[in-house]
N, C-alpha and C. Protein backbone atom coordinates (compact mmCIF):
# COMPACT_ATOMS: atom_id res chain seq x y z
N UNK A 1 16.84 -9.04 -27.78
CA UNK A 1 16.09 -9.25 -26.57
C UNK A 1 15.68 -7.92 -25.96
N UNK A 2 14.97 -7.16 -26.72
CA UNK A 2 14.60 -5.81 -26.32
C UNK A 2 13.55 -5.79 -25.22
N UNK A 3 12.71 -6.83 -25.11
CA UNK A 3 11.61 -6.80 -24.15
C UNK A 3 11.96 -7.32 -22.77
N UNK A 4 13.18 -7.75 -22.54
CA UNK A 4 13.54 -8.31 -21.24
C UNK A 4 13.94 -7.22 -20.25
N UNK A 5 13.55 -7.43 -19.00
CA UNK A 5 13.94 -6.52 -17.93
C UNK A 5 15.04 -7.15 -17.10
N UNK A 6 15.82 -6.30 -16.49
CA UNK A 6 16.83 -6.79 -15.56
C UNK A 6 16.13 -7.23 -14.28
N UNK A 7 16.64 -8.26 -13.61
CA UNK A 7 16.04 -8.67 -12.34
C UNK A 7 16.12 -7.55 -11.32
N UNK A 8 15.13 -7.49 -10.47
CA UNK A 8 15.05 -6.46 -9.44
C UNK A 8 15.02 -7.12 -8.07
N UNK A 9 15.43 -6.39 -7.06
CA UNK A 9 15.34 -6.90 -5.70
C UNK A 9 14.00 -6.54 -5.08
N UNK A 10 13.21 -5.72 -5.74
CA UNK A 10 11.93 -5.30 -5.18
C UNK A 10 10.78 -5.99 -5.88
N UNK A 11 10.12 -6.84 -5.15
CA UNK A 11 8.94 -7.54 -5.64
C UNK A 11 7.85 -7.41 -4.59
N UNK A 12 6.65 -7.69 -4.99
CA UNK A 12 5.53 -7.76 -4.04
C UNK A 12 5.09 -9.20 -3.97
N UNK A 13 4.85 -9.68 -2.79
CA UNK A 13 4.36 -11.04 -2.59
C UNK A 13 3.04 -10.96 -1.85
N UNK A 14 2.12 -11.79 -2.23
CA UNK A 14 0.84 -11.86 -1.54
C UNK A 14 0.76 -13.25 -0.92
N UNK A 15 0.63 -13.30 0.37
CA UNK A 15 0.59 -14.56 1.10
C UNK A 15 -0.78 -14.68 1.75
N UNK A 16 -1.47 -15.75 1.45
CA UNK A 16 -2.79 -15.98 2.03
C UNK A 16 -2.66 -16.93 3.21
N UNK A 17 -3.24 -16.54 4.33
CA UNK A 17 -3.16 -17.33 5.56
C UNK A 17 -4.56 -17.53 6.10
N UNK A 18 -4.89 -18.77 6.40
CA UNK A 18 -6.16 -19.04 7.07
C UNK A 18 -5.91 -18.87 8.56
N UNK A 19 -6.57 -17.89 9.14
CA UNK A 19 -6.33 -17.57 10.55
C UNK A 19 -7.11 -18.55 11.43
N UNK A 20 -6.38 -19.35 12.18
CA UNK A 20 -6.98 -20.37 13.03
C UNK A 20 -6.87 -19.95 14.49
N UNK A 21 -7.47 -20.73 15.36
CA UNK A 21 -7.40 -20.45 16.80
C UNK A 21 -5.97 -20.50 17.31
N UNK A 22 -5.12 -21.32 16.67
CA UNK A 22 -3.72 -21.41 17.09
C UNK A 22 -2.96 -20.12 16.81
N UNK A 23 -3.33 -19.41 15.76
CA UNK A 23 -2.61 -18.21 15.36
C UNK A 23 -3.13 -16.95 16.04
N UNK A 24 -4.42 -16.92 16.32
CA UNK A 24 -5.02 -15.72 16.93
C UNK A 24 -5.16 -15.88 18.44
N UNK A 25 -4.89 -14.83 19.19
CA UNK A 25 -4.97 -14.92 20.65
C UNK A 25 -6.41 -14.95 21.18
N UNK A 26 -7.35 -14.42 20.41
CA UNK A 26 -8.75 -14.37 20.82
C UNK A 26 -9.61 -14.88 19.67
N UNK A 27 -10.76 -15.46 19.98
CA UNK A 27 -11.58 -16.01 18.90
C UNK A 27 -12.19 -14.97 17.96
N UNK A 28 -12.48 -13.78 18.44
CA UNK A 28 -13.11 -12.78 17.58
C UNK A 28 -12.39 -11.44 17.72
N UNK A 29 -11.76 -11.00 16.65
CA UNK A 29 -11.06 -9.72 16.62
C UNK A 29 -11.57 -8.93 15.44
N UNK A 30 -11.48 -7.62 15.53
CA UNK A 30 -11.82 -6.78 14.38
C UNK A 30 -10.71 -6.88 13.35
N UNK A 31 -10.99 -6.42 12.16
CA UNK A 31 -9.99 -6.44 11.08
C UNK A 31 -8.74 -5.65 11.50
N UNK A 32 -8.95 -4.50 12.12
CA UNK A 32 -7.82 -3.67 12.57
C UNK A 32 -7.00 -4.38 13.65
N UNK A 33 -7.69 -5.09 14.55
CA UNK A 33 -6.98 -5.82 15.61
C UNK A 33 -6.15 -6.98 15.02
N UNK A 34 -6.70 -7.66 14.01
CA UNK A 34 -5.96 -8.74 13.36
C UNK A 34 -4.72 -8.18 12.65
N UNK A 35 -4.90 -7.06 11.94
CA UNK A 35 -3.76 -6.42 11.27
C UNK A 35 -2.68 -6.03 12.27
N UNK A 36 -3.08 -5.45 13.40
CA UNK A 36 -2.12 -5.04 14.41
C UNK A 36 -1.39 -6.24 15.01
N UNK A 37 -2.13 -7.31 15.28
CA UNK A 37 -1.52 -8.52 15.84
C UNK A 37 -0.52 -9.12 14.86
N UNK A 38 -0.89 -9.23 13.59
CA UNK A 38 0.02 -9.79 12.59
C UNK A 38 1.23 -8.89 12.38
N UNK A 39 1.02 -7.58 12.36
CA UNK A 39 2.13 -6.65 12.18
C UNK A 39 3.14 -6.79 13.31
N UNK A 40 2.64 -6.97 14.53
CA UNK A 40 3.54 -7.15 15.67
C UNK A 40 4.25 -8.50 15.58
N UNK A 41 3.53 -9.56 15.24
CA UNK A 41 4.13 -10.90 15.17
C UNK A 41 5.15 -10.99 14.05
N UNK A 42 4.92 -10.28 12.94
CA UNK A 42 5.83 -10.33 11.79
C UNK A 42 6.89 -9.24 11.85
N UNK A 43 6.85 -8.44 12.90
CA UNK A 43 7.82 -7.36 13.12
C UNK A 43 7.86 -6.37 11.94
N UNK A 44 6.67 -5.99 11.49
CA UNK A 44 6.56 -5.01 10.41
C UNK A 44 7.14 -3.68 10.90
N UNK A 45 7.97 -3.07 10.09
CA UNK A 45 8.59 -1.81 10.47
C UNK A 45 9.97 -1.97 11.09
N UNK A 46 10.28 -3.17 11.54
CA UNK A 46 11.62 -3.45 12.08
C UNK A 46 12.61 -3.45 10.92
N UNK A 47 13.74 -2.78 11.06
CA UNK A 47 14.70 -2.73 9.95
C UNK A 47 15.19 -4.09 9.48
N UNK A 48 15.17 -5.10 10.36
CA UNK A 48 15.63 -6.43 9.99
C UNK A 48 14.53 -7.31 9.40
N UNK A 49 13.28 -6.84 9.42
CA UNK A 49 12.16 -7.63 8.91
C UNK A 49 11.98 -7.40 7.41
N UNK A 50 11.82 -8.47 6.64
CA UNK A 50 11.56 -8.31 5.21
C UNK A 50 10.11 -7.93 4.93
N UNK A 51 9.23 -7.99 5.93
CA UNK A 51 7.81 -7.69 5.76
C UNK A 51 7.60 -6.19 5.87
N UNK A 52 7.02 -5.59 4.83
CA UNK A 52 6.82 -4.14 4.81
C UNK A 52 5.46 -3.71 5.33
N UNK A 53 4.44 -4.54 5.09
CA UNK A 53 3.10 -4.18 5.54
C UNK A 53 2.23 -5.42 5.62
N UNK A 54 1.09 -5.26 6.29
CA UNK A 54 0.12 -6.34 6.44
C UNK A 54 -1.25 -5.77 6.09
N UNK A 55 -2.02 -6.51 5.31
CA UNK A 55 -3.39 -6.12 5.01
C UNK A 55 -4.29 -7.33 5.22
N UNK A 56 -5.44 -7.11 5.82
CA UNK A 56 -6.37 -8.19 6.13
C UNK A 56 -7.70 -7.89 5.46
N UNK A 57 -8.25 -8.90 4.79
CA UNK A 57 -9.58 -8.79 4.20
C UNK A 57 -10.50 -9.79 4.88
N UNK A 58 -11.70 -9.38 5.14
CA UNK A 58 -12.70 -10.26 5.71
C UNK A 58 -13.49 -10.87 4.56
N UNK A 59 -13.42 -12.18 4.34
CA UNK A 59 -14.11 -12.77 3.19
C UNK A 59 -15.63 -12.62 3.25
N UNK A 60 -16.16 -12.36 4.44
CA UNK A 60 -17.61 -12.16 4.54
C UNK A 60 -18.03 -10.81 3.97
N UNK A 61 -17.12 -9.84 3.94
CA UNK A 61 -17.47 -8.51 3.45
C UNK A 61 -16.81 -8.18 2.13
N UNK A 62 -15.90 -9.03 1.67
CA UNK A 62 -15.19 -8.78 0.41
C UNK A 62 -15.87 -9.53 -0.71
N UNK A 63 -16.26 -8.81 -1.74
CA UNK A 63 -16.90 -9.46 -2.88
C UNK A 63 -15.84 -10.08 -3.78
N UNK A 64 -16.14 -11.22 -4.38
CA UNK A 64 -15.17 -11.82 -5.29
C UNK A 64 -14.95 -10.94 -6.52
N UNK A 65 -13.75 -11.01 -7.07
CA UNK A 65 -13.43 -10.22 -8.25
C UNK A 65 -14.15 -10.79 -9.47
N UNK A 66 -14.60 -9.92 -10.32
CA UNK A 66 -15.22 -10.33 -11.58
C UNK A 66 -14.22 -10.18 -12.69
N UNK A 67 -14.12 -11.19 -13.51
CA UNK A 67 -13.19 -11.14 -14.63
C UNK A 67 -13.91 -11.10 -15.93
């Protein structure tokens, strides 16, 4: 079993969230404002938070990936 790796505690997870009026405090925010709001709500940077960072993409400006 030469090709197997040992399990690691460090993984990356990508979570997709549809941002609704219930989740956002204002109807129209910039990408940076949404990132800041989510980072605060998820306690990014807090030693007890498992969330390391937040990134937001605007689907209107992001082109789909080509395979």
